[in-house]
């Protein structure tokens, strides 16, 4: 059995000098697989981190947009003081439109 191992080791490149060529080749192959797996894992994890940061930025932006929209809706649909000193009040858009139509009539007719 030792002759077949020796015969196979003669087929490997550079095995003529090294009596332990087969374990060296196996070790190198295992090292290469572990190295490739580690690199793939690091790239995958860094991509996941970038994706997480991107999602957080979108969520933060959407919160900001939600606050802006709420402020706009509040300005359109509620009474607010425009000029307190002169007693001017902003009224909701629909109510203002109705008052203008009552006062000046419907121009579409």
C-alpha atoms as a PDB file:
ATOM      1  CA  UNK A   1       0.000   0.000   0.000  1.00  0.00           C
ATOM      2  CA  UNK A   2       2.860   2.359   0.665  1.00  0.00           C
ATOM      3  CA  UNK A   3       4.036   1.812  -2.913  1.00  0.00           C
ATOM      4  CA  UNK A   4       0.735   3.109  -4.358  1.00  0.00           C
ATOM      5  CA  UNK A   5       0.958   6.247  -2.233  1.00  0.00           C
ATOM      6  CA  UNK A   6       4.542   6.718  -3.355  1.00  0.00           C
ATOM      7  CA  UNK A   7       3.559   6.078  -6.973  1.00  0.00           C
ATOM      8  CA  UNK A   8       0.777   8.675  -6.771  1.00  0.00           C
ATOM      9  CA  UNK A   9       3.057  11.216  -5.161  1.00  0.00           C
ATOM     10  CA  UNK A  10       5.372  10.981  -8.165  1.00  0.00           C
ATOM     11  CA  UNK A  11       2.492  12.237 -10.344  1.00  0.00           C
ATOM     12  CA  UNK A  12       2.130  15.471  -8.346  1.00  0.00           C
ATOM     13  CA  UNK A  13       4.141  18.496  -9.390  1.00  0.00           C
ATOM     14  CA  UNK A  14       7.121  19.120  -7.147  1.00  0.00           C
ATOM     15  CA  UNK A  15       6.562  15.918  -5.219  1.00  0.00           C
ATOM     16  CA  UNK A  16       9.940  14.466  -6.040  1.00  0.00           C
ATOM     17  CA  UNK A  17      11.675  16.560  -3.374  1.00  0.00           C
ATOM     18  CA  UNK A  18       8.959  16.479  -0.696  1.00  0.00           C
ATOM     19  CA  UNK A  19       8.048  13.189   0.944  1.00  0.00           C
ATOM     20  CA  UNK A  20       4.873  14.769   2.378  1.00  0.00           C
ATOM     21  CA  UNK A  21       3.497  16.228  -0.869  1.00  0.00           C
ATOM     22  CA  UNK A  22       0.026  14.728  -0.542  1.00  0.00           C
ATOM     23  CA  UNK A  23      -0.716  16.221   2.904  1.00  0.00           C
ATOM     24  CA  UNK A  24       0.682  19.532   1.665  1.00  0.00           C
ATOM     25  CA  UNK A  25      -1.666  19.501  -1.351  1.00  0.00           C
ATOM     26  CA  UNK A  26      -4.650  18.615   0.815  1.00  0.00           C
ATOM     27  CA  UNK A  27      -3.737  21.307   3.311  1.00  0.00           C
ATOM     28  CA  UNK A  28      -3.372  23.854   0.519  1.00  0.00           C
ATOM     29  CA  UNK A  29      -6.734  22.881  -0.959  1.00  0.00           C
ATOM     30  CA  UNK A  30      -8.464  23.142   2.415  1.00  0.00           C
ATOM     31  CA  UNK A  31      -6.776  26.497   3.054  1.00  0.00           C
ATOM     32  CA  UNK A  32      -7.913  27.783  -0.342  1.00  0.00           C
ATOM     33  CA  UNK A  33     -11.522  26.710   0.303  1.00  0.00           C
ATOM     34  CA  UNK A  34     -11.526  28.311   3.761  1.00  0.00           C
ATOM     35  CA  UNK A  35      -9.965  31.489   2.349  1.00  0.00           C
ATOM     36  CA  UNK A  36     -12.529  31.758  -0.457  1.00  0.00           C
ATOM     37  CA  UNK A  37     -15.388  31.116   1.959  1.00  0.00           C
ATOM     38  CA  UNK A  38     -14.057  33.788   4.336  1.00  0.00           C
ATOM     39  CA  UNK A  39     -13.720  36.354   1.546  1.00  0.00           C
ATOM     40  CA  UNK A  40     -17.228  35.575   0.302  1.00  0.00           C
ATOM     41  CA  UNK A  41     -18.607  35.881   3.832  1.00  0.00           C
ATOM     42  CA  UNK A  42     -16.868  39.235   4.388  1.00  0.00           C
ATOM     43  CA  UNK A  43     -18.171  40.607   1.094  1.00  0.00           C
ATOM     44  CA  UNK A  44     -21.685  39.378   1.890  1.00  0.00           C
ATOM     45  CA  UNK A  45     -21.618  40.909   5.379  1.00  0.00           C
ATOM     46  CA  UNK A  46     -20.308  44.246   4.109  1.00  0.00           C
ATOM     47  CA  UNK A  47     -23.088  44.322   1.493  1.00  0.00           C
ATOM     48  CA  UNK A  48     -25.631  43.567   4.208  1.00  0.00           C
ATOM     49  CA  UNK A  49     -24.253  46.462   6.286  1.00  0.00           C
ATOM     50  CA  UNK A  50     -24.523  48.830   3.316  1.00  0.00           C
ATOM     51  CA  UNK A  51     -28.083  47.669   2.697  1.00  0.00           C
ATOM     52  CA  UNK A  52     -28.960  48.208   6.364  1.00  0.00           C
ATOM     53  CA  UNK A  53     -27.541  51.755   6.291  1.00  0.00           C
ATOM     54  CA  UNK A  54     -29.472  52.467   3.083  1.00  0.00           C
ATOM     55  CA  UNK A  55     -32.717  51.186   4.620  1.00  0.00           C
ATOM     56  CA  UNK A  56     -32.145  53.325   7.722  1.00  0.00           C
ATOM     57  CA  UNK A  57     -31.567  56.431   5.587  1.00  0.00           C
ATOM     58  CA  UNK A  58     -34.772  55.784   3.651  1.00  0.00           C
ATOM     59  CA  UNK A  59     -36.695  55.240   6.879  1.00  0.00           C
ATOM     60  CA  UNK A  60     -35.283  58.456   8.318  1.00  0.00           C
ATOM     61  CA  UNK A  61     -36.202  60.339   5.149  1.00  0.00           C
ATOM     62  CA  UNK A  62     -39.698  58.883   5.131  1.00  0.00           C
ATOM     63  CA  UNK A  63     -40.197  60.013   8.742  1.00  0.00           C
ATOM     64  CA  UNK A  64     -39.136  63.489   7.701  1.00  0.00           C
ATOM     65  CA  UNK A  65     -41.500  63.431   4.695  1.00  0.00           C
ATOM     66  CA  UNK A  66     -44.299  62.204   6.949  1.00  0.00           C
ATOM     67  CA  UNK A  67     -43.749  65.166   9.293  1.00  0.00           C
ATOM     68  CA  UNK A  68     -43.779  67.607   6.369  1.00  0.00           C
ATOM     69  CA  UNK A  69     -46.978  66.071   5.004  1.00  0.00           C
ATOM     70  CA  UNK A  70     -48.662  66.261   8.403  1.00  0.00           C
ATOM     71  CA  UNK A  71     -47.714  69.938   8.678  1.00  0.00           C
ATOM     72  CA  UNK A  72     -49.101  70.647   5.200  1.00  0.00           C
ATOM     73  CA  UNK A  73     -52.353  68.812   5.949  1.00  0.00           C
ATOM     74  CA  UNK A  74     -52.664  70.711   9.199  1.00  0.00           C
ATOM     75  CA  UNK A  75     -52.199  74.010   7.358  1.00  0.00           C
ATOM     76  CA  UNK A  76     -54.821  73.057   4.780  1.00  0.00           C
ATOM     77  CA  UNK A  77     -57.463  71.595   7.069  1.00  0.00           C
ATOM     78  CA  UNK A  78     -57.332  73.545  10.344  1.00  0.00           C
ATOM     79  CA  UNK A  79     -57.805  77.096  11.523  1.00  0.00           C
ATOM     80  CA  UNK A  80     -54.561  78.926  12.268  1.00  0.00           C
ATOM     81  CA  UNK A  81     -53.611  82.491  13.075  1.00  0.00           C
ATOM     82  CA  UNK A  82     -52.060  84.238  10.097  1.00  0.00           C
ATOM     83  CA  UNK A  83     -51.704  87.664  11.739  1.00  0.00           C
ATOM     84  CA  UNK A  84     -52.747  87.846  15.383  1.00  0.00           C
ATOM     85  CA  UNK A  85     -52.272  91.620  15.630  1.00  0.00           C
ATOM     86  CA  UNK A  86     -54.727  92.280  12.805  1.00  0.00           C
ATOM     87  CA  UNK A  87     -57.068  89.392  13.734  1.00  0.00           C
ATOM     88  CA  UNK A  88     -56.469  87.440  10.537  1.00  0.00           C
ATOM     89  CA  UNK A  89     -57.170  83.724  10.567  1.00  0.00           C
ATOM     90  CA  UNK A  90     -56.454  81.096   7.940  1.00  0.00           C
ATOM     91  CA  UNK A  91     -59.391  78.779   7.366  1.00  0.00           C
ATOM     92  CA  UNK A  92     -59.425  75.306   5.843  1.00  0.00           C
ATOM     93  CA  UNK A  93     -59.182  75.252   2.052  1.00  0.00           C
ATOM     94  CA  UNK A  94     -62.555  73.660   1.374  1.00  0.00           C
ATOM     95  CA  UNK A  95     -64.400  76.079   3.653  1.00  0.00           C
ATOM     96  CA  UNK A  96     -62.655  79.007   1.992  1.00  0.00           C
ATOM     97  CA  UNK A  97     -63.643  77.731  -1.439  1.00  0.00           C
ATOM     98  CA  UNK A  98     -67.273  77.373  -0.327  1.00  0.00           C
ATOM     99  CA  UNK A  99     -67.339  80.910   1.097  1.00  0.00           C
ATOM    100  CA  UNK A 100     -65.874  82.370  -2.100  1.00  0.00           C
ATOM    101  CA  UNK A 101     -68.435  80.503  -4.225  1.00  0.00           C
ATOM    102  CA  UNK A 102     -71.297  81.711  -1.999  1.00  0.00           C
ATOM    103  CA  UNK A 103     -70.066  85.283  -2.106  1.00  0.00           C
ATOM    104  CA  UNK A 104     -69.184  85.580  -5.810  1.00  0.00           C
ATOM    105  CA  UNK A 105     -71.260  82.785  -7.295  1.00  0.00           C
ATOM    106  CA  UNK A 106     -70.183  79.829  -9.361  1.00  0.00           C
ATOM    107  CA  UNK A 107     -68.307  81.132 -12.440  1.00  0.00           C
ATOM    108  CA  UNK A 108     -68.635  77.812 -14.289  1.00  0.00           C
ATOM    109  CA  UNK A 109     -72.342  78.375 -15.060  1.00  0.00           C
END
